[in-house]
N, C-alpha and C. Protein backbone atom coordinates (compact mmCIF):
# COMPACT_ATOMS: atom_id res chain seq x y z
N MET A 1 103.48 32.81 111.33
CA MET A 1 101.93 34.35 111.71
C MET A 1 103.43 35.62 111.53
N SER A 2 102.91 36.02 110.73
CA SER A 2 104.06 37.36 110.38
C SER A 2 103.50 38.65 111.30
N ALA A 3 104.88 39.25 111.27
CA ALA A 3 104.65 40.42 112.43
C ALA A 3 104.33 42.05 111.24
N TYR A 4 103.29 41.93 112.34
CA TYR A 4 102.65 43.45 112.33
C TYR A 4 103.46 44.71 111.70
N ASP A 5 102.92 45.37 110.05
CA ASP A 5 103.84 46.19 109.68
C ASP A 5 102.49 47.66 109.28
N PRO A 6 102.52 48.73 110.53
CA PRO A 6 101.75 49.43 110.54
C PRO A 6 102.18 50.56 109.18
N SER A 7 103.12 50.43 108.26
CA SER A 7 103.43 51.06 107.31
C SER A 7 102.40 50.37 106.06
N SER A 8 102.51 49.02 106.55
CA SER A 8 101.98 48.53 104.88
C SER A 8 100.71 48.61 105.35
N SER A 9 99.96 48.47 106.54
CA SER A 9 98.42 48.36 106.93
C SER A 9 97.64 49.71 106.43
N ARG A 10 98.65 50.76 106.71
CA ARG A 10 98.00 52.16 106.43
C ARG A 10 98.39 52.59 104.49
N ARG A 11 99.39 51.32 103.97
CA ARG A 11 99.35 51.56 102.47
C ARG A 11 97.92 50.89 102.26
N ASP A 12 97.62 49.64 102.65
CA ASP A 12 97.24 48.62 102.93
C ASP A 12 95.06 49.60 102.30
N ALA A 13 95.21 50.44 103.29
CA ALA A 13 94.01 51.27 104.20
C ALA A 13 93.87 52.38 102.47
N VAL A 14 94.73 53.08 102.70
CA VAL A 14 95.36 54.58 101.47
C VAL A 14 94.51 53.45 100.00
N ALA A 15 95.17 52.24 99.82
CA ALA A 15 94.96 51.81 98.65
C ALA A 15 93.19 51.43 98.07
N SER A 16 92.56 50.98 99.56
CA SER A 16 91.68 50.49 99.07
C SER A 16 90.34 51.72 99.74
N TYR A 17 90.89 52.57 99.83
CA TYR A 17 90.24 53.90 100.21
C TYR A 17 89.70 54.82 99.04
N THR A 18 88.16 54.83 99.34
CA THR A 18 87.08 54.81 98.33
C THR A 18 86.66 56.18 98.45
N LEU A 19 86.81 57.04 97.38
CA LEU A 19 86.63 58.18 97.13
C LEU A 19 84.98 58.94 96.83
N THR A 20 84.53 59.77 98.07
CA THR A 20 83.43 60.05 97.07
C THR A 20 83.46 61.84 96.88
N PRO A 21 83.72 61.90 95.86
CA PRO A 21 83.94 63.46 95.19
C PRO A 21 82.45 64.10 95.48
N ILE A 22 82.84 65.33 95.71
CA ILE A 22 81.63 66.15 96.25
C ILE A 22 81.83 67.55 95.10
N HIS A 23 80.76 68.56 94.78
CA HIS A 23 81.33 69.61 94.14
C HIS A 23 81.39 70.53 94.85
N CYS A 24 83.09 71.10 95.63
CA CYS A 24 83.00 72.33 96.35
C CYS A 24 84.19 73.18 96.02
N VAL A 25 84.46 74.37 96.31
CA VAL A 25 85.38 75.27 96.08
C VAL A 25 86.72 74.89 96.66
N MET A 26 87.85 75.54 95.97
CA MET A 26 88.91 75.59 96.98
C MET A 26 89.15 76.61 98.13
N PRO A 27 89.63 75.93 99.04
CA PRO A 27 89.74 76.32 100.16
C PRO A 27 90.75 77.89 99.86
N SER A 28 90.31 78.81 100.32
CA SER A 28 91.43 80.22 100.54
C SER A 28 92.33 79.98 101.22
N ASP A 29 92.84 79.19 102.18
CA ASP A 29 93.67 79.10 102.43
C ASP A 29 94.59 77.78 101.85
N ALA A 30 94.65 77.43 100.78
CA ALA A 30 94.86 76.54 100.48
C ALA A 30 95.67 76.36 99.99
N ASP A 31 97.46 76.03 100.16
CA ASP A 31 98.37 76.01 99.89
C ASP A 31 99.13 75.53 98.83
N ARG A 32 99.82 75.74 97.86
CA ARG A 32 100.41 74.64 96.62
C ARG A 32 101.50 73.83 97.33
N THR A 33 101.66 72.89 97.45
CA THR A 33 102.32 72.30 98.32
C THR A 33 103.84 71.70 97.21
N ALA A 34 102.48 70.74 96.28
CA ALA A 34 103.70 69.99 95.60
C ALA A 34 103.28 69.11 94.12
N ASP A 35 103.95 69.20 93.40
CA ASP A 35 103.56 68.53 91.93
C ASP A 35 103.62 67.53 92.39
N TYR A 36 103.32 66.31 91.53
CA TYR A 36 103.13 64.74 91.58
C TYR A 36 102.56 64.31 90.55
N LYS A 37 103.46 63.42 89.44
CA LYS A 37 102.67 62.77 88.62
C LYS A 37 101.83 63.00 87.66
N GLY A 38 101.68 64.37 87.40
CA GLY A 38 100.38 65.09 86.53
C GLY A 38 99.62 65.71 87.45
N PHE A 39 99.64 66.08 88.43
CA PHE A 39 98.91 66.29 89.74
C PHE A 39 99.50 67.32 90.70
N THR A 40 98.85 68.70 91.37
CA THR A 40 98.74 69.50 91.60
C THR A 40 98.65 69.55 93.53
N LEU A 41 99.06 69.10 94.37
CA LEU A 41 98.57 68.80 95.56
C LEU A 41 98.44 70.50 96.46
N ARG A 42 97.38 70.31 97.27
CA ARG A 42 97.13 71.55 97.81
C ARG A 42 97.01 71.29 99.68
N THR A 43 97.54 71.78 100.27
CA THR A 43 97.02 70.88 101.41
C THR A 43 96.33 72.70 102.26
N PHE A 44 95.88 72.15 103.50
CA PHE A 44 95.00 73.52 104.06
C PHE A 44 94.47 72.69 105.69
N LYS A 45 94.80 73.43 106.54
CA LYS A 45 94.22 73.19 107.63
C LYS A 45 92.69 73.06 108.55
N ALA A 46 92.50 72.67 108.65
CA ALA A 46 90.88 72.12 108.77
C ALA A 46 90.47 73.09 110.47
N PRO A 47 89.71 73.68 110.09
CA PRO A 47 88.83 74.07 111.47
C PRO A 47 89.14 73.36 112.64
N ASP A 48 89.66 71.80 112.52
CA ASP A 48 89.45 70.81 113.40
C ASP A 48 91.11 70.68 114.03
N GLY A 49 91.88 71.59 113.04
CA GLY A 49 93.45 71.13 113.69
C GLY A 49 93.91 70.06 112.59
N LEU A 50 93.84 69.54 112.07
CA LEU A 50 94.27 68.60 111.23
C LEU A 50 94.33 68.87 109.75
N TRP A 51 95.35 68.56 108.67
CA TRP A 51 95.56 68.73 107.50
C TRP A 51 94.36 67.61 106.46
N ARG A 52 94.11 68.72 105.51
CA ARG A 52 93.95 67.43 104.48
C ARG A 52 94.53 68.26 103.45
N ALA A 53 94.14 67.28 102.23
CA ALA A 53 94.84 67.99 100.75
C ALA A 53 93.69 67.93 99.64
N ILE A 54 93.98 68.17 98.97
CA ILE A 54 93.18 68.85 98.11
C ILE A 54 94.27 68.26 96.20
N ILE A 55 93.87 67.65 95.38
CA ILE A 55 94.16 67.35 94.11
C ILE A 55 93.64 67.51 93.11
N THR A 56 94.23 68.39 92.13
CA THR A 56 93.88 68.70 90.88
C THR A 56 95.01 68.38 89.71
N LYS A 57 94.08 68.35 88.68
CA LYS A 57 95.63 67.84 87.55
C LYS A 57 96.51 69.31 87.56
N ALA A 58 97.14 68.90 87.12
CA ALA A 58 98.53 70.16 87.01
C ALA A 58 98.06 70.92 85.88
N ASP A 59 97.77 70.20 84.45
CA ASP A 59 97.35 70.80 83.54
C ASP A 59 96.13 71.75 83.44
N GLY A 60 95.36 71.65 84.41
CA GLY A 60 93.80 72.45 84.89
C GLY A 60 93.03 71.42 84.18
N SER A 61 93.13 70.28 83.74
CA SER A 61 91.79 69.64 83.53
C SER A 61 91.03 68.98 84.21
N LYS A 62 89.56 68.01 84.38
CA LYS A 62 89.27 67.62 85.24
C LYS A 62 89.87 66.01 85.90
N ILE A 63 89.11 65.51 86.72
CA ILE A 63 89.61 64.54 87.73
C ILE A 63 88.63 63.94 87.65
N LYS A 64 89.19 62.34 88.02
CA LYS A 64 88.20 61.89 87.96
C LYS A 64 88.72 60.59 89.08
N ALA A 65 87.73 60.13 90.24
CA ALA A 65 87.96 59.27 90.87
C ALA A 65 87.87 58.26 90.67
N ALA A 66 88.61 57.28 91.06
CA ALA A 66 88.90 55.60 90.19
C ALA A 66 86.89 55.21 91.16
N GLY A 67 86.50 54.58 89.76
CA GLY A 67 85.05 54.00 89.90
C GLY A 67 83.71 55.04 89.76
N GLN A 68 84.04 56.31 89.30
CA GLN A 68 83.02 57.35 89.67
C GLN A 68 83.18 57.64 87.94
N ASN A 69 81.93 57.92 87.08
CA ASN A 69 81.73 57.96 85.63
C ASN A 69 81.74 59.64 85.64
N GLU A 70 81.79 60.46 86.54
CA GLU A 70 81.72 62.26 86.82
C GLU A 70 83.33 62.72 87.18
N SER A 71 83.52 63.89 86.31
CA SER A 71 84.71 64.43 86.60
C SER A 71 84.88 65.83 87.02
N PHE A 72 85.76 66.00 87.88
CA PHE A 72 84.96 67.25 89.41
C PHE A 72 86.58 68.01 88.13
N ASP A 73 86.82 69.24 89.58
CA ASP A 73 87.88 70.29 88.96
C ASP A 73 89.15 70.13 89.70
N LEU A 74 88.19 69.29 91.32
CA LEU A 74 89.82 69.48 92.42
C LEU A 74 88.42 68.01 93.19
N ILE A 75 89.38 67.32 93.98
CA ILE A 75 88.73 66.25 94.37
C ILE A 75 89.52 66.88 96.58
N PRO A 76 88.94 66.48 96.95
CA PRO A 76 89.50 66.88 98.86
C PRO A 76 89.57 65.73 99.11
N PHE A 77 90.63 65.26 99.34
CA PHE A 77 91.05 64.23 100.15
C PHE A 77 90.74 64.24 101.78
N GLN A 78 90.31 63.50 102.43
CA GLN A 78 89.59 63.64 103.96
C GLN A 78 90.48 63.13 104.54
N LEU A 79 91.33 62.10 104.74
CA LEU A 79 92.18 61.26 105.04
C LEU A 79 92.51 62.33 106.33
N ASP A 80 92.26 62.70 107.11
CA ASP A 80 92.81 63.56 108.31
C ASP A 80 94.47 63.21 108.19
N SER A 81 95.06 64.48 108.23
CA SER A 81 96.49 63.76 108.76
C SER A 81 97.10 65.39 110.43
N LEU A 82 98.27 64.76 110.79
CA LEU A 82 98.68 65.43 111.50
C LEU A 82 99.64 66.39 111.11
N ASP A 83 100.00 66.76 110.18
CA ASP A 83 100.89 67.69 109.47
C ASP A 83 100.80 67.92 108.54
N ARG A 84 100.99 68.91 107.29
CA ARG A 84 101.00 69.18 106.10
C ARG A 84 101.91 68.08 105.55
N ASP A 85 102.98 67.72 105.97
CA ASP A 85 104.24 66.45 105.34
C ASP A 85 103.25 65.31 105.15
N GLU A 86 102.54 64.54 106.16
CA GLU A 86 101.88 63.72 106.14
C GLU A 86 100.59 63.71 104.95
N ALA A 87 99.73 65.01 104.99
CA ALA A 87 98.71 64.76 104.25
C ALA A 87 99.25 65.13 102.82
N VAL A 88 100.07 65.31 102.43
CA VAL A 88 101.01 64.93 101.05
C VAL A 88 101.70 63.54 100.88
N LYS A 89 101.88 63.46 101.57
CA LYS A 89 102.30 61.57 101.65
C LYS A 89 101.22 61.09 101.38
N GLU A 90 99.81 61.52 102.27
CA GLU A 90 98.63 60.19 102.02
C GLU A 90 97.93 60.42 100.32
N ALA A 91 98.36 61.75 100.01
CA ALA A 91 97.65 62.00 99.17
C ALA A 91 98.28 61.25 97.23
N LYS A 92 99.68 61.11 97.56
CA LYS A 92 101.16 60.43 96.69
C LYS A 92 100.30 59.52 96.58
N ARG A 93 100.14 58.72 98.08
CA ARG A 93 99.64 56.90 97.71
C ARG A 93 98.27 56.73 97.52
N LEU A 94 97.70 57.81 97.26
CA LEU A 94 96.08 57.81 96.81
C LEU A 94 96.33 57.52 95.25
N ILE A 95 96.96 59.24 94.79
CA ILE A 95 97.97 58.84 93.25
C ILE A 95 98.31 57.68 92.69
N ASP A 96 99.56 57.12 93.63
CA ASP A 96 100.31 56.07 93.52
C ASP A 96 99.40 54.40 93.44
N ALA A 97 98.39 54.25 93.81
CA ALA A 97 97.54 53.13 93.97
C ALA A 97 96.18 53.10 92.82
N GLY A 98 96.27 54.82 92.52
CA GLY A 98 95.61 54.26 91.02
C GLY A 98 93.98 55.10 91.14
N GLY A 99 94.01 55.40 92.84
CA GLY A 99 92.66 56.88 92.90
C GLY A 99 91.98 57.75 92.22
N VAL A 100 92.99 58.70 91.39
CA VAL A 100 92.61 59.55 90.79
C VAL A 100 93.07 59.36 89.25
N THR A 101 92.77 59.83 88.27
CA THR A 101 92.73 60.05 87.21
C THR A 101 92.64 60.96 86.24
């Protein structure tokens, strides 16, 4: 029996996370937090106090979620995080897992 590794469990959850993109606008308080592998990551604090990330293409082109035929200007990533850094880490994991192109 193998030991439980919460970091790999979280990684698996992010890798299998299915995005359901919606048409929405960028929150006015979303700060540009990072550029990563051709994407721009912005974070904001949701009304419930948790942090979320928004992924856009750094060059301004449309972004696609894996398995979706439609392209979007931005994709809000609604896996709530306790702090800004964790929201960025989750967005990077989604990018690394091929969840957006």
